[in-house]
Amino acid sequence: MAELKIDAVVFDVLGTLVDEPAGLRAGISAFATPPHPSSSPSPSPSLDGSETERLLLLWQRHIEREQRRIVDGDRPYAPSDALDREAAGAVARARAAGAEDPAAADPDAVDSLARAARRLRPWPDTVAGLARLAGHFPLIGLSNASRTALLELNAHAGLRWHQALSAEEARTYKPDPAVYRLAVTVAGLPPERLLMVAAHAWDLRGAQALGLRTAYVARPVGDPPTSSDRFDLYAKDLADLAGQLGVF
């Protein structure tokens, strides 16, 4: 393989740099066990692991389905905040089914649950990895999160960018080419001089279709490459990626 000539690095955020499922699990668990006054006979029972995973999957499937509908033109654009609120409502209704759960009917509790999508912790190598790479390349965050959500998410996780771009600017979602084009336009470079980094093979395929170079970073929650995928780099974490890019 010819040596990569990269002038800027573009990062997916959700799942690649922050542990999105863990943050959503925490939000779902907090929603399911709301605080009760001291006079309450007993708090709501905590969710067991299987129920938490069921509700997490319900959330994820809603987001994936609705984003796909928007990309396909079957639904008008709605920012990630609106989709998260819908997903939180679906979780609340599922939680309340067959049981009297005051939290499920509390709009404030559902809104708080929706904001769990912004309270995501970085992977252990993320902050140091970004700082290391930022000394050698312009770094661009490219996320399906809305502008407002991305601002809060970046602050909560301590992510370092030279530019953070939201798919909201394109009024669609990855893997629509219009989203990747945002990074190309901002960088002012040919697509092949940008390296798209993600833990999701579907995301890298979308970037690849527009001509960006690609790097897969393994995460426990990502979408692994298939045998037919051919990405430029494969890294076990950001430190490994930096080493492959000659950043020591």
Protein backbone atom coordinates (compact mmCIF):
# COMPACT_ATOMS: atom_id res chain seq x y z
CA MET A 1 0.00 0.00 0.00
CA ALA A 2 1.30 3.44 -0.92
CA GLU A 3 2.19 5.75 1.93
CA LEU A 4 -0.76 7.82 3.13
CA LYS A 5 -0.44 11.54 2.54
CA ILE A 6 -2.86 13.06 5.00
CA ASP A 7 -3.33 16.75 5.76
CA ALA A 8 -6.28 16.55 8.20
CA VAL A 9 -7.98 13.89 10.33
CA VAL A 10 -11.76 13.63 10.63
CA PHE A 11 -13.24 11.74 13.58
CA ASP A 12 -16.60 10.20 14.16
CA VAL A 13 -17.61 10.89 17.76
CA LEU A 14 -20.41 8.63 19.00
CA GLY A 15 -19.01 5.18 19.71
CA THR A 16 -15.61 6.03 18.28
CA LEU A 17 -14.45 8.55 20.88
CA VAL A 18 -17.12 8.19 23.56
CA ASP A 19 -18.87 5.13 24.97
CA GLU A 20 -22.41 5.87 23.86
CA PRO A 21 -24.09 2.64 25.07
CA ALA A 22 -22.65 3.03 28.57
CA GLY A 23 -23.97 6.58 28.83
CA LEU A 24 -27.42 5.55 27.66
CA ARG A 25 -27.45 2.61 30.08
CA ALA A 26 -26.65 5.01 32.94
CA GLY A 27 -29.46 7.33 31.85
CA ILE A 28 -31.94 4.47 31.58
CA SER A 29 -30.97 3.14 35.01
CA ALA A 30 -31.31 6.59 36.59
CA PHE A 31 -34.70 7.06 34.94
CA ALA A 32 -35.92 3.68 36.18
CA THR A 33 -34.97 4.42 39.80
CA PRO A 34 -36.02 8.07 40.34
CA PRO A 35 -35.57 9.64 43.79
CA HIS A 36 -38.50 9.16 46.15
CA PRO A 37 -39.51 11.21 49.18
CA SER A 38 -38.59 9.75 52.55
CA SER A 39 -42.25 9.00 53.17
CA SER A 40 -42.33 6.66 50.20
CA PRO A 41 -42.57 3.05 51.38
CA SER A 42 -39.90 1.87 48.96
CA PRO A 43 -38.06 3.06 45.84
CA SER A 44 -38.83 1.63 42.41
CA PRO A 45 -36.95 -1.60 41.87
CA SER A 46 -33.74 -1.31 39.87
CA LEU A 47 -33.60 -2.75 36.41
CA ASP A 48 -31.84 -6.03 35.93
CA GLY A 49 -29.24 -6.30 33.21
CA SER A 50 -31.49 -7.94 30.63
CA GLU A 51 -34.20 -5.28 31.01
CA THR A 52 -31.65 -2.48 30.71
CA GLU A 53 -30.29 -4.05 27.53
CA ARG A 54 -33.82 -4.43 26.15
CA LEU A 55 -34.53 -0.74 26.68
CA LEU A 56 -31.11 0.25 25.31
CA LEU A 57 -31.78 -1.77 22.16
CA LEU A 58 -35.20 -0.12 21.83
CA TRP A 59 -33.49 3.31 21.97
CA GLN A 60 -30.78 2.39 19.48
CA ARG A 61 -33.20 0.86 17.00
CA HIS A 62 -35.41 3.94 17.10
CA ILE A 63 -32.46 6.24 16.37
CA GLU A 64 -31.12 4.03 13.58
CA ARG A 65 -34.54 3.65 11.97
CA GLU A 66 -35.46 7.33 12.07
CA GLN A 67 -32.06 8.51 10.85
CA ARG A 68 -32.32 6.08 7.96
CA ARG A 69 -35.81 7.35 7.12
CA ILE A 70 -34.44 10.90 7.00
CA VAL A 71 -31.49 9.90 4.80
CA ASP A 72 -33.87 8.03 2.49
CA GLY A 73 -36.20 11.01 2.25
CA ASP A 74 -39.08 9.25 3.98
CA ARG A 75 -39.16 11.76 6.85
CA PRO A 76 -38.37 15.51 7.04
CA TYR A 77 -35.12 16.32 8.79
CA ALA A 78 -35.21 16.41 12.59
CA PRO A 79 -32.10 17.08 14.71
CA SER A 80 -30.69 14.44 17.02
CA ASP A 81 -32.23 16.20 20.04
CA ALA A 82 -35.71 15.47 18.69
CA LEU A 83 -34.86 11.85 17.88
CA ASP A 84 -33.35 11.34 21.36
CA ARG A 85 -36.54 12.76 22.91
CA GLU A 86 -38.58 10.31 20.85
CA ALA A 87 -36.34 7.41 21.89
CA ALA A 88 -36.57 8.44 25.54
CA GLY A 89 -40.36 8.54 25.24
CA ALA A 90 -40.37 5.05 23.74
CA VAL A 91 -38.22 3.78 26.62
CA ALA A 92 -40.53 5.45 29.15
CA ARG A 93 -43.60 3.84 27.61
CA ALA A 94 -41.93 0.44 27.52
CA ARG A 95 -40.85 0.83 31.14
CA ALA A 96 -44.38 1.76 32.21
CA ALA A 97 -46.10 -1.06 30.34
CA GLY A 98 -47.93 -3.23 32.81
CA ALA A 99 -46.75 -1.25 35.85
CA GLU A 100 -47.54 2.01 37.59
CA ASP A 101 -44.39 4.07 37.09
CA PRO A 102 -44.77 7.80 37.84
CA ALA A 103 -41.49 8.64 36.10
CA ALA A 104 -42.82 7.39 32.79
CA ALA A 105 -45.51 10.08 32.84
CA ASP A 106 -43.19 12.89 33.99
CA PRO A 107 -42.09 15.02 31.01
CA ASP A 108 -39.14 16.40 32.99
CA ALA A 109 -37.89 12.87 33.72
CA VAL A 110 -38.20 11.93 30.05
CA ASP A 111 -36.34 15.10 29.03
CA SER A 112 -33.57 14.25 31.47
CA LEU A 113 -33.40 10.74 30.04
CA ALA A 114 -33.09 12.18 26.53
CA ARG A 115 -30.12 14.30 27.64
CA ALA A 116 -28.27 11.13 28.64
CA ALA A 117 -27.21 11.04 24.98
CA ARG A 118 -25.02 14.08 25.75
CA ARG A 119 -23.48 12.75 28.97
CA LEU A 120 -21.05 10.25 27.48
CA ARG A 121 -17.63 9.35 28.81
CA PRO A 122 -14.60 9.16 26.54
CA TRP A 123 -12.79 5.89 26.00
CA PRO A 124 -9.60 5.68 28.13
CA ASP A 125 -7.32 6.50 25.16
CA THR A 126 -9.46 9.25 23.61
CA VAL A 127 -8.33 12.45 25.31
CA ALA A 128 -4.61 11.66 25.19
CA GLY A 129 -4.91 10.34 21.64
CA LEU A 130 -6.59 13.48 20.36
CA ALA A 131 -4.03 15.70 22.10
CA ARG A 132 -1.20 13.71 20.54
CA LEU A 133 -2.64 13.92 17.04
CA ALA A 134 -3.65 17.57 17.38
CA GLY A 135 0.00 18.60 17.46
CA HIS A 136 0.49 17.23 13.95
CA PHE A 137 -2.84 17.47 12.11
CA PRO A 138 -5.93 19.66 12.09
CA LEU A 139 -8.61 17.60 13.81
CA ILE A 140 -12.24 17.76 12.70
CA GLY A 141 -15.07 16.15 14.63
CA LEU A 142 -17.93 15.02 12.38
CA SER A 143 -20.98 13.81 14.24
CA ASN A 144 -24.63 12.97 13.71
CA ALA A 145 -25.27 14.79 17.01
CA SER A 146 -26.96 18.17 16.70
CA ARG A 147 -24.96 21.37 17.15
CA THR A 148 -26.27 21.86 20.68
CA ALA A 149 -25.79 18.23 21.65
CA LEU A 150 -22.28 18.17 20.17
CA LEU A 151 -21.25 21.24 22.15
CA GLU A 152 -22.40 19.68 25.44
CA LEU A 153 -20.99 16.27 24.53
CA ASN A 154 -17.57 17.74 23.67
CA ALA A 155 -17.46 19.65 26.94
CA HIS A 156 -18.58 16.68 29.04
CA ALA A 157 -16.04 14.30 27.50
CA GLY A 158 -13.19 16.83 27.25
CA LEU A 159 -12.73 16.35 23.50
CA ARG A 160 -10.18 18.56 21.74
CA TRP A 161 -10.96 19.78 18.24
CA HIS A 162 -9.82 22.40 15.80
CA GLN A 163 -13.32 22.22 14.31
CA ALA A 164 -16.46 20.31 15.35
CA LEU A 165 -19.08 19.76 12.66
CA SER A 166 -22.63 18.56 13.14
CA ALA A 167 -24.66 16.72 10.52
CA GLU A 168 -27.32 19.30 11.36
CA GLU A 169 -25.45 21.66 9.02
CA ALA A 170 -26.34 19.34 6.13
CA ARG A 171 -29.85 18.58 7.48
CA THR A 172 -29.30 14.87 7.05
CA TYR A 173 -27.30 12.09 8.69
CA LYS A 174 -24.30 9.96 7.91
CA PRO A 175 -23.81 8.03 5.69
CA ASP A 176 -25.35 10.67 3.40
CA PRO A 177 -22.46 12.09 1.31
CA ALA A 178 -23.57 15.62 2.20
CA VAL A 179 -22.33 15.12 5.77
CA TYR A 180 -18.81 14.05 4.77
CA ARG A 181 -18.75 16.92 2.29
CA LEU A 182 -18.99 19.30 5.26
CA ALA A 183 -15.52 18.19 6.40
CA VAL A 184 -14.08 18.40 2.88
CA THR A 185 -15.42 21.93 2.47
CA VAL A 186 -14.18 23.15 5.83
CA ALA A 187 -10.73 21.62 5.33
CA GLY A 188 -10.43 23.11 1.84
CA LEU A 189 -8.60 19.99 0.72
CA PRO A 190 -9.16 17.22 -1.83
CA PRO A 191 -11.08 14.35 -0.16
CA GLU A 192 -8.11 12.00 -0.51
CA ARG A 193 -6.06 14.24 1.79
CA LEU A 194 -8.52 13.71 4.65
CA LEU A 195 -8.51 10.62 6.85
CA MET A 196 -11.87 9.57 8.26
CA VAL A 197 -11.55 7.69 11.56
CA ALA A 198 -14.44 5.64 12.93
CA ALA A 199 -15.34 2.49 14.82
CA HIS A 200 -18.22 1.87 12.42
CA ALA A 201 -17.56 0.22 9.08
CA TRP A 202 -20.78 1.70 7.64
CA ASP A 203 -19.47 5.19 8.47
CA LEU A 204 -16.13 4.53 6.79
CA ARG A 205 -17.86 3.15 3.71
CA GLY A 206 -19.81 6.40 3.44
CA ALA A 207 -16.63 8.47 3.68
CA GLN A 208 -14.85 6.16 1.26
CA ALA A 209 -17.57 6.68 -1.33
CA LEU A 210 -16.77 10.40 -1.35
CA GLY A 211 -13.05 9.76 -1.74
CA LEU A 212 -11.80 10.16 1.83
CA ARG A 213 -9.11 7.85 3.15
CA THR A 214 -10.27 5.65 5.99
CA ALA A 215 -9.07 4.28 9.33
CA TYR A 216 -10.98 1.74 11.39
CA VAL A 217 -10.45 1.93 15.16
CA ALA A 218 -11.66 -1.08 17.12
CA ARG A 219 -14.15 -0.41 19.90
CA PRO A 220 -16.28 -2.91 21.80
CA VAL A 221 -19.45 -1.14 20.61
CA GLY A 222 -18.54 -0.49 16.98
CA ASP A 223 -19.54 -1.99 13.66
CA PRO A 224 -16.59 -4.22 12.65
CA PRO A 225 -15.42 -4.43 9.05
CA THR A 226 -16.53 -7.30 6.87
CA SER A 227 -14.22 -9.44 4.79
CA SER A 228 -15.03 -7.28 1.75
CA ASP A 229 -14.06 -3.98 3.39
CA ARG A 230 -10.74 -2.42 2.41
CA PHE A 231 -9.83 0.47 4.66
CA ASP A 232 -6.47 2.23 4.61
CA LEU A 233 -5.63 1.70 8.27
CA TYR A 234 -6.78 -0.64 11.04
CA ALA A 235 -5.91 0.39 14.61
CA LYS A 236 -6.59 -1.09 18.03
CA ASP A 237 -6.86 2.37 19.62
CA LEU A 238 -5.85 6.01 19.05
CA ALA A 239 -2.30 5.43 20.27
CA ASP A 240 -1.91 2.72 17.66
CA LEU A 241 -3.44 5.01 15.03
CA ALA A 242 -1.04 7.83 15.93
CA GLY A 243 1.91 5.47 15.61
CA GLN A 244 0.77 4.33 12.18
CA LEU A 245 0.54 7.98 11.13
CA GLY A 246 4.09 8.61 12.31
CA VAL A 247 3.09 10.61 15.39
CA PHE A 248 5.27 9.57 18.33
